[in-house]
Amino acid sequence: MKLPKNEMGFAMCRGADGKLVAGPTAWGTPTSVAIPVQCPTGADFIGLFHTHPGGVSFPSAQDISSALRVGGKTLCIESEADGLKCFRIEG
């Protein structure tokens, strides 16, 4: 799958029915994106998703730090090279 040239991301949330839902999509630069930790009403924040255009699906130190700072337990990253990978984040 061809990803946009700029990173994009959103908060991953779990609705009251147990289904995963996304917060608003944020768009950044080719190397970073500021993701608002915002979930739909009644949903709980569980982690962050973002893309690494032209990179790999492995979290950078900044990715891990950002996830820990906002209380995310899961970090999912998608790249063209590796596809989608998710990681458990523990502080």
N, C-alpha and C. Protein backbone atom coordinates (compact mmCIF):
# COMPACT_ATOMS: atom_id res chain seq x y z
N MET A 1 0.83 -1.17 0.00
CA MET A 1 0.00 0.00 0.00
C MET A 1 0.89 1.25 0.00
N LYS A 2 0.58 2.19 -0.83
CA LYS A 2 1.32 3.45 -0.91
C LYS A 2 0.79 4.40 0.15
N LEU A 3 1.68 4.83 1.05
CA LEU A 3 1.31 5.76 2.11
C LEU A 3 1.51 7.19 1.65
N PRO A 4 0.76 8.13 2.22
CA PRO A 4 1.01 9.55 1.93
C PRO A 4 2.43 9.92 2.34
N LYS A 5 3.00 10.97 1.73
CA LYS A 5 4.39 11.34 2.00
C LYS A 5 4.59 11.91 3.40
N ASN A 6 3.54 12.45 4.00
CA ASN A 6 3.63 12.97 5.37
C ASN A 6 3.05 11.97 6.35
N GLU A 7 3.62 11.96 7.56
CA GLU A 7 3.09 11.08 8.60
C GLU A 7 1.66 11.49 8.95
N MET A 8 0.87 10.50 9.31
CA MET A 8 -0.48 10.75 9.82
C MET A 8 -0.68 9.82 11.00
N GLY A 9 -1.57 10.21 11.90
CA GLY A 9 -1.81 9.37 13.05
C GLY A 9 -3.11 9.72 13.74
N PHE A 10 -3.48 8.88 14.70
CA PHE A 10 -4.69 9.11 15.49
C PHE A 10 -4.60 8.31 16.79
N ALA A 11 -5.40 8.71 17.75
CA ALA A 11 -5.53 7.96 19.00
C ALA A 11 -6.36 6.72 18.73
N MET A 12 -5.92 5.60 19.29
CA MET A 12 -6.71 4.37 19.23
C MET A 12 -7.50 4.27 20.52
N CYS A 13 -8.78 3.99 20.39
CA CYS A 13 -9.67 4.00 21.55
C CYS A 13 -10.55 2.74 21.52
N ARG A 14 -11.05 2.38 22.70
CA ARG A 14 -11.97 1.24 22.80
C ARG A 14 -13.31 1.78 23.26
N GLY A 15 -14.33 1.51 22.43
CA GLY A 15 -15.67 1.95 22.75
C GLY A 15 -16.30 1.11 23.85
N ALA A 16 -17.42 1.56 24.38
CA ALA A 16 -18.12 0.84 25.44
C ALA A 16 -18.52 -0.57 25.00
N ASP A 17 -18.69 -0.77 23.68
CA ASP A 17 -19.05 -2.08 23.15
C ASP A 17 -17.84 -2.98 22.92
N GLY A 18 -16.63 -2.47 23.24
CA GLY A 18 -15.41 -3.25 23.09
C GLY A 18 -14.73 -3.11 21.74
N LYS A 19 -15.38 -2.44 20.80
CA LYS A 19 -14.80 -2.27 19.47
C LYS A 19 -13.79 -1.13 19.45
N LEU A 20 -12.77 -1.29 18.59
CA LEU A 20 -11.78 -0.23 18.43
C LEU A 20 -12.34 0.89 17.59
N VAL A 21 -12.07 2.13 18.02
CA VAL A 21 -12.48 3.31 17.29
C VAL A 21 -11.31 4.28 17.28
N ALA A 22 -11.28 5.17 16.31
CA ALA A 22 -10.19 6.13 16.16
C ALA A 22 -10.62 7.52 16.57
N GLY A 23 -9.66 8.25 17.11
CA GLY A 23 -9.86 9.67 17.34
C GLY A 23 -9.63 10.41 16.04
N PRO A 24 -9.61 11.74 16.06
CA PRO A 24 -9.41 12.52 14.84
C PRO A 24 -8.03 12.28 14.23
N THR A 25 -7.97 12.26 12.91
CA THR A 25 -6.71 12.07 12.20
C THR A 25 -5.90 13.36 12.20
N ALA A 26 -4.61 13.22 12.52
CA ALA A 26 -3.68 14.36 12.49
C ALA A 26 -2.67 14.13 11.37
N TRP A 27 -2.30 15.20 10.70
CA TRP A 27 -1.31 15.14 9.62
C TRP A 27 -0.08 15.93 10.03
N GLY A 28 1.10 15.41 9.70
CA GLY A 28 2.35 16.06 10.07
C GLY A 28 3.26 16.29 8.90
N THR A 29 4.54 16.13 9.15
CA THR A 29 5.60 16.30 8.15
C THR A 29 6.05 14.91 7.69
N PRO A 30 7.01 14.82 6.80
CA PRO A 30 7.51 13.49 6.42
C PRO A 30 8.15 12.71 7.57
N THR A 31 8.50 13.39 8.67
CA THR A 31 9.20 12.70 9.76
C THR A 31 8.54 12.81 11.13
N SER A 32 7.43 13.50 11.25
CA SER A 32 6.78 13.57 12.56
C SER A 32 5.31 13.97 12.44
N VAL A 33 4.57 13.66 13.49
CA VAL A 33 3.16 14.07 13.57
C VAL A 33 2.80 14.22 15.05
N ALA A 34 2.06 15.26 15.38
CA ALA A 34 1.56 15.47 16.74
C ALA A 34 0.14 14.93 16.79
N ILE A 35 -0.07 13.88 17.55
CA ILE A 35 -1.36 13.20 17.60
C ILE A 35 -2.13 13.64 18.84
N PRO A 36 -3.32 14.19 18.66
CA PRO A 36 -4.11 14.56 19.84
C PRO A 36 -4.68 13.30 20.51
N VAL A 37 -4.61 13.27 21.82
CA VAL A 37 -5.19 12.15 22.56
C VAL A 37 -6.64 12.51 22.81
N GLN A 38 -7.45 12.15 21.82
CA GLN A 38 -8.86 12.53 21.81
C GLN A 38 -9.66 11.33 21.32
N CYS A 39 -10.55 10.85 22.15
CA CYS A 39 -11.39 9.70 21.79
C CYS A 39 -12.84 10.13 21.67
N PRO A 40 -13.62 9.41 20.86
CA PRO A 40 -15.05 9.69 20.80
C PRO A 40 -15.67 9.54 22.19
N THR A 41 -16.76 10.22 22.43
CA THR A 41 -17.47 10.16 23.71
C THR A 41 -17.76 8.71 24.09
N GLY A 42 -17.44 8.37 25.33
CA GLY A 42 -17.69 7.03 25.83
C GLY A 42 -16.61 6.01 25.53
N ALA A 43 -15.56 6.42 24.80
CA ALA A 43 -14.47 5.51 24.45
C ALA A 43 -13.26 5.80 25.32
N ASP A 44 -12.46 4.77 25.60
CA ASP A 44 -11.26 4.89 26.42
C ASP A 44 -10.01 4.84 25.55
N PHE A 45 -9.06 5.71 25.84
CA PHE A 45 -7.79 5.77 25.13
C PHE A 45 -6.95 4.53 25.44
N ILE A 46 -6.41 3.89 24.39
CA ILE A 46 -5.54 2.73 24.61
C ILE A 46 -4.16 2.89 23.97
N GLY A 47 -4.02 3.77 22.99
CA GLY A 47 -2.71 3.91 22.37
C GLY A 47 -2.72 4.81 21.16
N LEU A 48 -1.61 4.77 20.43
CA LEU A 48 -1.42 5.64 19.26
C LEU A 48 -1.12 4.82 18.02
N PHE A 49 -1.59 5.31 16.89
CA PHE A 49 -1.26 4.76 15.57
C PHE A 49 -0.66 5.89 14.75
N HIS A 50 0.40 5.60 14.00
CA HIS A 50 0.89 6.55 13.01
C HIS A 50 1.71 5.84 11.94
N THR A 51 1.96 6.56 10.88
CA THR A 51 2.69 6.01 9.75
C THR A 51 4.15 6.48 9.78
N HIS A 52 4.99 5.71 9.13
CA HIS A 52 6.39 6.06 8.89
C HIS A 52 6.62 5.99 7.38
N PRO A 53 6.24 7.02 6.63
CA PRO A 53 6.45 6.97 5.18
C PRO A 53 7.94 6.90 4.87
N GLY A 54 8.33 5.98 4.06
CA GLY A 54 9.73 5.84 3.68
C GLY A 54 10.59 5.24 4.78
N GLY A 55 9.99 4.84 5.90
CA GLY A 55 10.74 4.28 7.02
C GLY A 55 10.34 2.85 7.28
N VAL A 56 10.58 2.42 8.50
CA VAL A 56 10.24 1.05 8.91
C VAL A 56 9.20 1.09 10.01
N SER A 57 8.54 -0.03 10.23
CA SER A 57 7.48 -0.13 11.24
C SER A 57 8.07 -0.50 12.59
N PHE A 58 8.96 0.35 13.08
CA PHE A 58 9.58 0.14 14.38
C PHE A 58 9.61 1.48 15.09
N PRO A 59 9.25 1.54 16.37
CA PRO A 59 9.17 2.83 17.06
C PRO A 59 10.53 3.46 17.32
N SER A 60 10.60 4.75 17.10
CA SER A 60 11.80 5.52 17.46
C SER A 60 11.75 5.81 18.95
N ALA A 61 12.84 6.32 19.49
CA ALA A 61 12.86 6.72 20.90
C ALA A 61 11.81 7.80 21.14
N GLN A 62 11.63 8.71 20.19
CA GLN A 62 10.63 9.76 20.33
C GLN A 62 9.22 9.16 20.32
N ASP A 63 8.97 8.15 19.48
CA ASP A 63 7.66 7.48 19.46
C ASP A 63 7.34 6.88 20.82
N ILE A 64 8.30 6.19 21.41
CA ILE A 64 8.10 5.54 22.70
C ILE A 64 7.87 6.59 23.79
N SER A 65 8.70 7.62 23.78
CA SER A 65 8.57 8.70 24.76
C SER A 65 7.19 9.37 24.68
N SER A 66 6.74 9.63 23.47
CA SER A 66 5.43 10.26 23.27
C SER A 66 4.31 9.37 23.78
N ALA A 67 4.38 8.08 23.48
CA ALA A 67 3.34 7.15 23.93
C ALA A 67 3.31 7.09 25.46
N LEU A 68 4.48 7.00 26.09
CA LEU A 68 4.54 6.95 27.55
C LEU A 68 4.02 8.24 28.18
N ARG A 69 4.35 9.38 27.57
CA ARG A 69 3.95 10.68 28.11
C ARG A 69 2.42 10.82 28.17
N VAL A 70 1.72 10.26 27.18
CA VAL A 70 0.26 10.40 27.14
C VAL A 70 -0.48 9.19 27.72
N GLY A 71 0.27 8.21 28.24
CA GLY A 71 -0.35 7.06 28.88
C GLY A 71 -0.79 5.97 27.93
N GLY A 72 -0.23 5.95 26.71
CA GLY A 72 -0.58 4.90 25.75
C GLY A 72 0.08 3.58 26.11
N LYS A 73 -0.65 2.51 26.04
CA LYS A 73 -0.11 1.18 26.31
C LYS A 73 0.22 0.43 25.02
N THR A 74 -0.30 0.93 23.90
CA THR A 74 -0.09 0.30 22.60
C THR A 74 0.38 1.35 21.61
N LEU A 75 1.33 0.97 20.76
CA LEU A 75 1.83 1.85 19.70
C LEU A 75 1.86 1.04 18.42
N CYS A 76 1.08 1.46 17.43
CA CYS A 76 1.05 0.79 16.14
C CYS A 76 1.64 1.72 15.09
N ILE A 77 2.49 1.15 14.24
CA ILE A 77 3.17 1.92 13.20
C ILE A 77 3.03 1.17 11.89
N GLU A 78 2.74 1.91 10.83
CA GLU A 78 2.63 1.31 9.50
C GLU A 78 3.64 1.96 8.57
N SER A 79 4.34 1.12 7.81
CA SER A 79 5.27 1.62 6.78
C SER A 79 5.06 0.79 5.53
N GLU A 80 5.53 1.32 4.41
CA GLU A 80 5.44 0.56 3.16
C GLU A 80 6.36 -0.64 3.20
N ALA A 81 7.51 -0.50 3.86
CA ALA A 81 8.50 -1.58 3.89
C ALA A 81 8.04 -2.78 4.71
N ASP A 82 7.40 -2.52 5.85
CA ASP A 82 7.07 -3.59 6.80
C ASP A 82 5.60 -3.83 7.03
N GLY A 83 4.73 -2.98 6.52
CA GLY A 83 3.31 -3.09 6.81
C GLY A 83 3.02 -2.60 8.22
N LEU A 84 1.99 -3.14 8.84
CA LEU A 84 1.54 -2.69 10.15
C LEU A 84 2.13 -3.58 11.25
N LYS A 85 2.71 -2.93 12.28
CA LYS A 85 3.21 -3.64 13.45
C LYS A 85 2.77 -2.88 14.69
N CYS A 86 2.39 -3.62 15.72
CA CYS A 86 1.97 -3.01 16.98
C CYS A 86 2.88 -3.49 18.10
N PHE A 87 3.08 -2.58 19.06
CA PHE A 87 3.99 -2.85 20.17
C PHE A 87 3.30 -2.51 21.49
N ARG A 88 3.58 -3.27 22.51
CA ARG A 88 3.12 -2.99 23.87
C ARG A 88 4.14 -2.05 24.50
N ILE A 89 3.67 -0.93 25.06
CA ILE A 89 4.55 0.06 25.65
C ILE A 89 4.36 0.03 27.17
N GLU A 90 5.46 -0.14 27.88
CA GLU A 90 5.40 -0.15 29.34
C GLU A 90 6.44 0.82 29.89
N GLY A 91 6.05 1.58 30.88
CA GLY A 91 6.95 2.59 31.44
C GLY A 91 7.54 2.20 32.75
